């Protein structure tokens, strides 16, 4: 235990926050990460074999990344060296690497723990490569951001990414029991308040212990707090959400796919998550407009109108009143019949345009504003559809060197059922005209 405090730069007798006092001293005491640390799990197997590989620990704040790194060094008898990407540069890293080289010559390996490794830029990350490659250091990086976005491919190829889970209710209950044992008394909370305390921590063990310290400061004779009293005493943890990072994209993806799956309640939940976390409502409305065209289309043409109306309402009223229009649009889009037929048709038409190049439209549908163009046959043979029987001439409008293609294939849902009937009727008339002109059966 003393070595653990010394490695962290702390004296055993110095005042320490509760989270530090209760930091696990053994791998077996780390909670919520059994999928990584259990005997048959990836890290557990490494430790069982007495070896260590370079790792990237990716997970939310307060889930044990720093603790695990310290305990790994202790378990495999490596010197623990810690740097923070916030306060360190390449010059600092060079000193660490030179010291690690000297230590290695004396027969002692080094586990280099880099907190917030994603904050190093690409060239700084490159500085690790030769020292990780030759074994001068075993690198353990900690990050809250998706490594595939934030770390060099070369670095990722030399380190295994381990994903830590946010702490669940069972893990936080164990932590509360440890806190009560450390404090020597139960926390003055009723059952609902205890449940609420864990929910307020939002999977962050460090924040849970910080709130426990606030409760600990109450007089010992304090009556058990209910949920309302607890909310007045401590603040709920701000949701993990960065509008430029993975949480942002995860939630907008969850909203989009919930709408596509017609799960209105899930869509409302993810919308509320984004609004509560401070997402720009106009960003959300832009995505809803896109969804209306991409995933509903002509199955319900009013979907696009509703999405644009939500944007207009928010522009007019702002927050919080304007957010109700966004909620209404989400309900409309979630309950509308779904079709990606227009979206699919657009992709097929774009592909055909790229394939066929600059084919000339047939001359009969070209305007002839000059005498020369008329002489060349522009506009000759064009039939004005309004004058045709049924308002449909049945002429072919594709380029002469391009066979007719069907891009738009409506589905049997919503308004597209009616569209399909029209298209089938016009296809029948078109085939009859072709049969008359060619003498072939329709």
Protein backbone atom coordinates (compact mmCIF):
# COMPACT_ATOMS: atom_id res chain seq x y z
CA UNK A 1 0.00 0.00 0.00
CA UNK A 2 2.84 2.39 0.92
CA UNK A 3 4.55 1.70 -2.41
CA UNK A 4 1.33 2.52 -4.21
CA UNK A 5 1.11 5.93 -2.49
CA UNK A 6 4.81 6.55 -3.12
CA UNK A 7 4.38 5.73 -6.82
CA UNK A 8 1.54 8.24 -6.95
CA UNK A 9 3.74 10.91 -5.37
CA UNK A 10 1.86 10.82 -2.05
CA UNK A 11 3.01 10.32 1.51
CA UNK A 12 1.07 7.66 3.36
CA UNK A 13 0.18 10.03 6.21
CA UNK A 14 -0.80 13.03 4.08
CA UNK A 15 -4.45 14.10 3.84
CA UNK A 16 -5.96 12.44 0.79
CA UNK A 17 -9.34 12.52 -0.93
CA UNK A 18 -11.61 9.56 -0.27
CA UNK A 19 -11.15 8.36 -3.87
CA UNK A 20 -7.39 8.17 -3.28
CA UNK A 21 -7.71 6.53 0.13
CA UNK A 22 -9.91 3.82 -1.36
CA UNK A 23 -7.93 3.33 -4.55
CA UNK A 24 -7.63 -0.49 -4.96
CA UNK A 25 -4.28 -1.96 -3.94
CA UNK A 26 -4.83 -5.23 -5.82
CA UNK A 27 -6.09 -6.05 -9.29
CA UNK A 28 -8.72 -8.26 -7.67
CA UNK A 29 -10.21 -5.20 -5.93
CA UNK A 30 -10.91 -3.24 -9.11
CA UNK A 31 -14.66 -3.25 -9.74
CA UNK A 32 -16.68 -3.15 -12.94
CA UNK A 33 -13.94 -4.37 -15.31
CA UNK A 34 -14.03 -8.16 -14.94
CA UNK A 35 -14.20 -8.51 -18.73
CA UNK A 36 -10.60 -7.22 -18.80
CA UNK A 37 -9.15 -8.26 -15.45
CA UNK A 38 -10.69 -11.68 -14.74
CA UNK A 39 -8.42 -14.76 -14.91
CA UNK A 40 -9.58 -15.70 -18.42
CA UNK A 41 -9.80 -12.12 -19.73
CA UNK A 42 -7.17 -10.40 -21.91
CA UNK A 43 -5.25 -8.58 -19.15
CA UNK A 44 -5.87 -11.41 -16.69
CA UNK A 45 -4.17 -13.87 -19.05
CA UNK A 46 -1.19 -11.55 -19.47
CA UNK A 47 -0.74 -11.25 -15.74
CA UNK A 48 -1.14 -14.99 -15.29
CA UNK A 49 1.72 -15.52 -17.74
CA UNK A 50 3.85 -12.90 -15.98
CA UNK A 51 4.17 -10.65 -19.03
CA UNK A 52 2.89 -7.27 -20.14
CA UNK A 53 2.19 -5.79 -23.55
CA UNK A 54 1.60 -2.14 -24.40
CA UNK A 55 -2.02 -1.17 -23.91
CA UNK A 56 -4.42 1.67 -24.59
CA UNK A 57 -7.08 1.87 -21.86
CA UNK A 58 -10.14 3.53 -23.37
CA UNK A 59 -13.11 4.33 -21.19
CA UNK A 60 -15.20 7.03 -19.51
CA UNK A 61 -13.81 9.11 -16.63
CA UNK A 62 -13.67 7.47 -13.21
CA UNK A 63 -13.64 3.85 -14.38
CA UNK A 64 -10.18 2.86 -13.11
CA UNK A 65 -7.74 3.53 -15.95
CA UNK A 66 -5.03 5.08 -13.76
CA UNK A 67 -5.50 2.54 -10.99
CA UNK A 68 -5.22 -0.37 -13.39
CA UNK A 69 -2.01 1.04 -14.90
CA UNK A 70 -0.39 1.40 -11.46
CA UNK A 71 -1.40 -2.07 -10.40
CA UNK A 72 -0.15 -3.63 -13.63
CA UNK A 73 3.32 -2.18 -13.03
CA UNK A 74 3.30 -3.46 -9.46
CA UNK A 75 2.08 -6.90 -10.52
CA UNK A 76 4.80 -7.54 -13.11
CA UNK A 77 7.58 -5.75 -11.19
CA UNK A 78 8.06 -2.82 -13.56
CA UNK A 79 9.04 0.69 -12.56
CA UNK A 80 5.94 2.89 -12.83
CA UNK A 81 6.49 6.19 -14.63
CA UNK A 82 3.57 8.53 -15.15
CA UNK A 83 3.28 11.53 -17.47
CA UNK A 84 0.30 13.60 -18.53
CA UNK A 85 -0.16 14.63 -22.14
CA UNK A 86 -1.58 17.91 -20.84
CA UNK A 87 1.66 18.98 -19.13
CA UNK A 88 4.36 17.10 -21.07
CA UNK A 89 6.06 17.61 -24.41
CA UNK A 90 8.61 15.78 -26.53
CA UNK A 91 11.50 17.08 -24.41
CA UNK A 92 9.93 15.57 -21.29
CA UNK A 93 9.39 12.28 -23.09
CA UNK A 94 13.04 12.16 -24.18
CA UNK A 95 14.13 12.42 -20.54
CA UNK A 96 11.74 9.62 -19.61
CA UNK A 97 13.06 7.42 -22.42
CA UNK A 98 16.72 8.04 -21.53
CA UNK A 99 16.03 7.21 -17.89
CA UNK A 100 14.15 4.08 -18.96
CA UNK A 101 17.12 3.02 -21.10
CA UNK A 102 19.48 3.38 -18.14
CA UNK A 103 17.06 1.51 -15.91
CA UNK A 104 16.82 -1.26 -18.49
CA UNK A 105 20.60 -1.64 -18.53
CA UNK A 106 20.36 -2.25 -14.78
CA UNK A 107 17.81 -5.02 -15.39
CA UNK A 108 14.61 -3.10 -14.52
CA UNK A 109 11.84 -2.49 -17.01
CA UNK A 110 9.58 0.58 -17.16
CA UNK A 111 5.82 0.85 -17.49
CA UNK A 112 5.15 4.31 -18.88
CA UNK A 113 1.64 5.48 -18.12
CA UNK A 114 0.47 8.37 -20.29
CA UNK A 115 -2.72 9.97 -19.03
CA UNK A 116 -4.95 11.58 -21.68
CA UNK A 117 -2.68 10.26 -24.43
CA UNK A 118 -5.13 11.51 -27.06
CA UNK A 119 -3.98 15.07 -26.30
CA UNK A 120 -0.57 14.39 -27.86
CA UNK A 121 -0.50 15.40 -31.51
CA UNK A 122 0.53 12.98 -34.24
CA UNK A 123 4.22 13.91 -34.26
CA UNK A 124 4.39 13.63 -30.47
CA UNK A 125 2.78 10.20 -30.66
CA UNK A 126 5.43 9.18 -33.20
CA UNK A 127 8.08 9.81 -30.53
CA UNK A 128 6.88 6.71 -28.66
CA UNK A 129 7.29 4.30 -31.56
CA UNK A 130 10.99 3.30 -31.41
CA UNK A 131 10.94 2.92 -27.61
CA UNK A 132 7.78 0.83 -27.63
CA UNK A 133 9.16 -1.16 -30.55
CA UNK A 134 12.45 -2.09 -28.83
CA UNK A 135 10.90 -2.66 -25.40
CA UNK A 136 12.52 0.29 -23.65
CA UNK A 137 9.07 1.04 -22.21
CA UNK A 138 5.81 -0.79 -21.90
CA UNK A 139 3.33 1.89 -22.86
CA UNK A 140 -0.04 2.12 -21.13
CA UNK A 141 -2.05 5.04 -22.42
CA UNK A 142 -5.33 6.23 -20.97
CA UNK A 143 -7.94 8.03 -23.03
CA UNK A 144 -11.60 8.96 -22.88
CA UNK A 145 -11.69 9.44 -26.67
CA UNK A 146 -12.02 6.85 -29.40
CA UNK A 147 -8.43 5.72 -30.16
CA UNK A 148 -9.25 5.01 -33.79
CA UNK A 149 -9.93 8.74 -34.25
CA UNK A 150 -7.28 10.19 -31.94
CA UNK A 151 -4.20 7.93 -32.12
CA UNK A 152 -1.76 7.15 -34.92
CA UNK A 153 -2.30 3.89 -36.76
CA UNK A 154 1.39 3.06 -36.16
CA UNK A 155 0.93 3.45 -32.40
CA UNK A 156 -2.29 1.45 -32.42
CA UNK A 157 -0.52 -1.38 -34.23
CA UNK A 158 1.92 -1.65 -31.33
CA UNK A 159 -0.63 -1.49 -28.50
CA UNK A 160 -3.78 -3.43 -27.71
CA UNK A 161 -6.89 -1.35 -27.09
CA UNK A 162 -8.79 -2.35 -23.95
CA UNK A 163 -12.28 -0.87 -23.54
CA UNK A 164 -13.34 -0.10 -19.97
CA UNK A 165 -17.03 -0.07 -19.07
CA UNK A 166 -18.78 2.71 -17.22
CA UNK A 167 -19.39 1.48 -13.70
CA UNK A 168 -22.75 -0.20 -13.26
CA UNK A 169 -25.03 -0.15 -10.22
CA UNK A 170 -23.49 -3.28 -8.70
CA UNK A 171 -19.95 -1.90 -8.96
CA UNK A 172 -20.94 1.40 -7.37
CA UNK A 173 -22.75 -0.42 -4.55
CA UNK A 174 -19.48 -2.21 -3.74
CA UNK A 175 -17.74 1.17 -3.73
CA UNK A 176 -20.34 2.64 -1.37
CA UNK A 177 -19.89 -0.30 0.99
CA UNK A 178 -16.13 0.32 0.99
CA UNK A 179 -16.68 3.99 1.69
CA UNK A 180 -18.95 3.22 4.64
CA UNK A 181 -16.35 0.82 6.02
CA UNK A 182 -13.66 3.50 5.66
CA UNK A 183 -15.85 6.15 7.32
CA UNK A 184 -16.98 3.81 10.07
CA UNK A 185 -20.69 4.51 9.65
CA UNK A 186 -23.44 4.05 7.08
CA UNK A 187 -24.30 6.95 4.84
CA UNK A 188 -27.41 8.84 6.03
CA UNK A 189 -29.50 8.02 2.97
CA UNK A 190 -32.83 6.28 2.57
CA UNK A 191 -33.10 3.51 -0.04
CA UNK A 192 -34.33 5.79 -2.83
CA UNK A 193 -31.64 8.38 -2.12
CA UNK A 194 -28.95 5.71 -2.20
CA UNK A 195 -30.20 4.59 -5.61
CA UNK A 196 -30.32 8.22 -6.75
CA UNK A 197 -26.75 8.81 -5.55
CA UNK A 198 -25.49 6.03 -7.82
CA UNK A 199 -27.53 7.37 -10.72
CA UNK A 200 -26.14 10.88 -10.14
CA UNK A 201 -22.59 9.51 -10.42
CA UNK A 202 -23.42 8.37 -13.98
CA UNK A 203 -20.90 5.52 -13.95
CA UNK A 204 -18.00 7.65 -12.61
CA UNK A 205 -16.49 6.10 -9.46
CA UNK A 206 -14.35 9.12 -8.63
CA UNK A 207 -17.37 11.40 -8.76
CA UNK A 208 -19.31 8.97 -6.59
CA UNK A 209 -16.65 9.22 -3.87
CA UNK A 210 -16.58 13.01 -4.21
CA UNK A 211 -20.32 13.09 -3.47
CA UNK A 212 -19.84 10.70 -0.54
CA UNK A 213 -17.36 13.19 0.92
CA UNK A 214 -20.04 15.89 0.77
CA UNK A 215 -22.44 13.60 2.61
CA UNK A 216 -19.73 12.64 5.11
CA UNK A 217 -19.45 16.30 6.15
CA UNK A 218 -22.98 16.17 7.61
CA UNK A 219 -23.34 15.83 11.34
CA UNK A 220 -23.40 12.18 12.53
CA UNK A 221 -26.90 12.62 13.95
CA UNK A 222 -28.34 13.73 10.59
CA UNK A 223 -31.56 11.94 9.72
CA UNK A 224 -31.47 9.85 6.54
CA UNK A 225 -31.78 12.06 3.46
CA UNK A 226 -34.48 11.49 0.90
CA UNK A 227 -33.93 12.05 -2.83
CA UNK A 228 -34.93 15.73 -2.71
CA UNK A 229 -32.63 16.49 0.22
CA UNK A 230 -29.77 14.66 -1.52
CA UNK A 231 -30.29 16.71 -4.68
CA UNK A 232 -30.04 19.91 -2.63
CA UNK A 233 -26.79 18.73 -1.03
CA UNK A 234 -24.83 17.43 -4.03
CA UNK A 235 -24.82 18.17 -7.74
CA UNK A 236 -25.52 15.62 -10.42
CA UNK A 237 -22.52 14.78 -12.57
CA UNK A 238 -22.59 16.54 -15.93
CA UNK A 239 -23.20 14.00 -18.71
CA UNK A 240 -20.15 12.86 -20.68
CA UNK A 241 -20.66 14.71 -23.94
CA UNK A 242 -18.31 16.59 -26.21
CA UNK A 243 -19.91 18.17 -29.24
CA UNK A 244 -16.77 17.56 -31.30
CA UNK A 245 -16.05 14.01 -30.18
CA UNK A 246 -17.42 10.49 -30.12
CA UNK A 247 -20.27 11.04 -27.63
CA UNK A 248 -21.77 13.56 -30.03
CA UNK A 249 -21.69 11.14 -32.95
CA UNK A 250 -22.87 8.19 -30.85
CA UNK A 251 -26.03 9.98 -29.73
CA UNK A 252 -26.95 11.43 -33.11
CA UNK A 253 -26.45 7.95 -34.61
CA UNK A 254 -28.65 6.47 -31.89
CA UNK A 255 -31.34 9.07 -32.58
CA UNK A 256 -31.24 8.44 -36.34
CA UNK A 257 -31.38 4.66 -36.04
CA UNK A 258 -34.16 4.77 -33.41
CA UNK A 259 -36.24 6.86 -35.81
CA UNK A 260 -35.47 4.49 -38.67
CA UNK A 261 -36.62 1.62 -36.46
CA UNK A 262 -39.85 3.51 -35.59
CA UNK A 263 -38.98 3.45 -31.86
CA UNK A 264 -40.40 6.83 -30.90
CA UNK A 265 -39.66 6.50 -27.19
CA UNK A 266 -36.00 5.65 -27.72
CA UNK A 267 -35.69 8.52 -30.21
CA UNK A 268 -37.19 10.97 -27.69
CA UNK A 269 -34.76 9.71 -25.05
CA UNK A 270 -31.68 10.28 -27.24
CA UNK A 271 -33.00 13.66 -28.33
CA UNK A 272 -33.43 14.65 -24.69
CA UNK A 273 -29.92 13.38 -23.91
CA UNK A 274 -28.47 15.64 -26.58
CA UNK A 275 -30.49 18.70 -25.61
CA UNK A 276 -29.71 18.22 -21.92
CA UNK A 277 -25.99 17.96 -22.69
CA UNK A 278 -26.06 21.26 -24.57
CA UNK A 279 -26.12 20.15 -28.21
CA UNK A 280 -27.02 22.86 -30.70
CA UNK A 281 -30.73 22.26 -31.49
CA UNK A 282 -30.22 23.49 -35.05
CA UNK A 283 -27.66 20.73 -35.61
CA UNK A 284 -30.34 18.23 -34.55
CA UNK A 285 -32.96 19.77 -36.83
CA UNK A 286 -30.56 19.55 -39.77
CA UNK A 287 -30.21 15.85 -39.11
CA UNK A 288 -34.00 15.47 -38.85
CA UNK A 289 -34.46 17.19 -42.22
CA UNK A 290 -31.95 14.78 -43.72
CA UNK A 291 -33.73 11.83 -42.08
CA UNK A 292 -37.09 12.93 -43.49
CA UNK A 293 -35.72 12.79 -47.05
CA UNK A 294 -33.45 9.78 -46.61
CA UNK A 295 -35.58 7.38 -44.57
CA UNK A 296 -39.18 8.47 -45.22
CA UNK A 297 -39.17 10.28 -48.53
CA UNK A 298 -42.35 9.92 -50.54
CA UNK A 299 -43.86 7.36 -48.18
CA UNK A 300 -45.01 10.48 -46.30
CA UNK A 301 -44.12 13.74 -48.09
CA UNK A 302 -45.29 15.71 -45.04
CA UNK A 303 -42.33 14.39 -43.04
CA UNK A 304 -40.00 16.87 -44.71
CA UNK A 305 -42.49 19.66 -44.09
CA UNK A 306 -42.69 18.76 -40.39
CA UNK A 307 -38.90 18.65 -40.03
CA UNK A 308 -38.51 22.06 -41.66
CA UNK A 309 -41.36 23.44 -39.54
CA UNK A 310 -39.49 22.29 -36.40
CA UNK A 311 -36.43 24.21 -37.57
CA UNK A 312 -38.57 27.31 -38.22
CA UNK A 313 -40.25 27.05 -34.81
CA UNK A 314 -36.91 26.80 -33.06
CA UNK A 315 -35.56 29.77 -35.06
CA UNK A 316 -38.64 31.76 -33.99
CA UNK A 317 -38.89 30.78 -30.30
CA UNK A 318 -35.45 29.55 -29.29
CA UNK A 319 -34.91 27.43 -26.16
CA UNK A 320 -36.65 26.01 -24.29
CA UNK A 321 -40.04 26.58 -25.99
CA UNK A 322 -38.75 25.90 -29.49
CA UNK A 323 -37.41 22.50 -28.43
CA UNK A 324 -40.99 21.23 -28.21
CA UNK A 325 -41.27 21.59 -31.98
CA UNK A 326 -38.21 19.37 -32.36
CA UNK A 327 -39.81 16.80 -30.05
CA UNK A 328 -42.97 16.92 -32.17
CA UNK A 329 -40.97 16.42 -35.35
CA UNK A 330 -39.24 13.40 -33.80
CA UNK A 331 -42.62 11.87 -32.93
CA UNK A 332 -43.90 12.52 -36.47
CA UNK A 333 -40.82 11.07 -38.13
CA UNK A 334 -40.73 8.08 -35.82
CA UNK A 335 -44.36 7.18 -36.53
CA UNK A 336 -44.29 7.88 -40.29
CA UNK A 337 -44.10 5.01 -42.81
CA UNK A 338 -40.49 4.45 -43.84
CA UNK A 339 -38.98 4.28 -47.32
CA UNK A 340 -35.48 4.85 -48.64
CA UNK A 341 -36.64 4.51 -52.25
CA UNK A 342 -35.84 8.16 -53.11
CA UNK A 343 -32.45 7.91 -51.40
CA UNK A 344 -31.65 4.70 -53.28
CA UNK A 345 -32.89 6.18 -56.55
CA UNK A 346 -30.64 9.23 -56.07
CA UNK A 347 -27.58 7.01 -55.61
CA UNK A 348 -28.44 4.92 -58.67
CA UNK A 349 -29.08 8.01 -60.82
CA UNK A 350 -25.77 9.57 -59.68
CA UNK A 351 -23.93 6.35 -60.55
CA UNK A 352 -25.58 6.25 -63.98
CA UNK A 353 -24.65 9.88 -64.62
CA UNK A 354 -21.01 9.13 -63.83
CA UNK A 355 -21.03 6.01 -66.02
CA UNK A 356 -22.64 7.51 -69.11
CA UNK A 357 -20.72 10.77 -69.27
CA UNK A 358 -22.09 13.49 -71.59
CA UNK A 359 -24.77 11.68 -73.57
CA UNK A 360 -27.02 14.06 -75.46
CA UNK A 361 -30.72 14.10 -74.52
CA UNK A 362 -32.99 13.07 -77.42
CA UNK A 363 -33.52 15.97 -79.83
CA UNK A 364 -37.28 15.93 -79.55
CA UNK A 365 -37.14 17.28 -75.96
CA UNK A 366 -34.59 20.02 -76.70
CA UNK A 367 -35.63 23.64 -77.17
CA UNK A 368 -34.97 25.23 -80.57
CA UNK A 369 -34.69 28.99 -80.04
CA UNK A 370 -32.78 29.51 -83.31
CA UNK A 371 -33.46 28.62 -86.94
CA UNK A 372 -30.30 26.55 -87.14
CA UNK A 373 -31.35 24.43 -84.17
CA UNK A 374 -34.72 23.83 -85.77
CA UNK A 375 -32.93 22.77 -88.94
CA UNK A 376 -30.88 20.32 -86.89
CA UNK A 377 -34.07 18.73 -85.61
CA UNK A 378 -34.19 20.19 -82.12
CA UNK A 379 -37.73 19.90 -80.74
CA UNK A 380 -38.97 17.93 -83.75
CA UNK A 381 -41.55 15.34 -82.84
CA UNK A 382 -42.08 16.56 -79.28
CA UNK A 383 -45.58 15.79 -78.02
CA UNK A 384 -47.09 18.17 -75.46
CA UNK A 385 -48.30 15.82 -72.73
CA UNK A 386 -51.22 18.03 -71.69
CA UNK A 387 -52.67 17.59 -75.16
CA UNK A 388 -52.27 13.80 -75.08
CA UNK A 389 -55.02 11.46 -73.94
CA UNK A 390 -54.87 11.12 -70.16
CA UNK A 391 -52.16 13.80 -70.03
CA UNK A 392 -49.47 11.23 -70.89
CA UNK A 393 -47.74 10.96 -74.26
CA UNK A 394 -45.53 7.97 -73.43
CA UNK A 395 -42.49 9.34 -75.26
CA UNK A 396 -39.01 8.20 -74.29
CA UNK A 397 -36.92 10.89 -72.62
CA UNK A 398 -33.67 8.99 -72.04
CA UNK A 399 -30.67 9.61 -74.36
CA UNK A 400 -30.90 7.58 -77.57
CA UNK A 401 -27.70 5.67 -76.74
CA UNK A 402 -28.84 4.79 -73.23
CA UNK A 403 -31.34 2.01 -72.53
CA UNK A 404 -34.19 2.89 -70.22
CA UNK A 405 -33.46 2.31 -66.52
CA UNK A 406 -35.65 2.30 -63.44
CA UNK A 407 -34.03 4.15 -60.53
CA UNK A 408 -37.07 4.87 -58.39
CA UNK A 409 -38.79 1.79 -57.00
CA UNK A 410 -41.44 2.83 -54.47
CA UNK A 411 -42.27 0.53 -51.59
CA UNK A 412 -45.66 -0.80 -50.57
CA UNK A 413 -45.93 1.61 -47.63
CA UNK A 414 -47.65 4.93 -47.11
CA UNK A 415 -48.16 7.27 -50.05
CA UNK A 416 -45.71 5.28 -52.18
CA UNK A 417 -48.42 2.63 -52.63
CA UNK A 418 -50.35 5.19 -54.67
CA UNK A 419 -47.22 6.29 -56.51
CA UNK A 420 -46.50 2.69 -57.46
CA UNK A 421 -49.95 2.39 -59.05
CA UNK A 422 -49.30 5.51 -61.15
CA UNK A 423 -45.91 4.29 -62.28
CA UNK A 424 -47.32 0.90 -63.24
CA UNK A 425 -50.12 2.60 -65.23
CA UNK A 426 -47.67 4.85 -67.10
CA UNK A 427 -45.34 1.90 -67.77
CA UNK A 428 -48.30 0.06 -69.32
CA UNK A 429 -49.16 3.03 -71.59
CA UNK A 430 -45.49 3.42 -72.54
CA UNK A 431 -45.28 -0.28 -73.48
CA UNK A 432 -48.45 0.00 -75.58
CA UNK A 433 -47.03 2.97 -77.49
CA UNK A 434 -43.78 1.11 -78.12
CA UNK A 435 -45.74 -1.87 -79.40
CA UNK A 436 -47.69 0.34 -81.84
CA UNK A 437 -44.49 1.92 -83.14
CA UNK A 438 -42.49 -1.30 -83.47
CA UNK A 439 -45.24 -3.78 -84.20
CA UNK A 440 -44.03 -5.92 -81.28
CA UNK A 441 -46.45 -7.18 -78.64
CA UNK A 442 -46.58 -4.99 -75.51
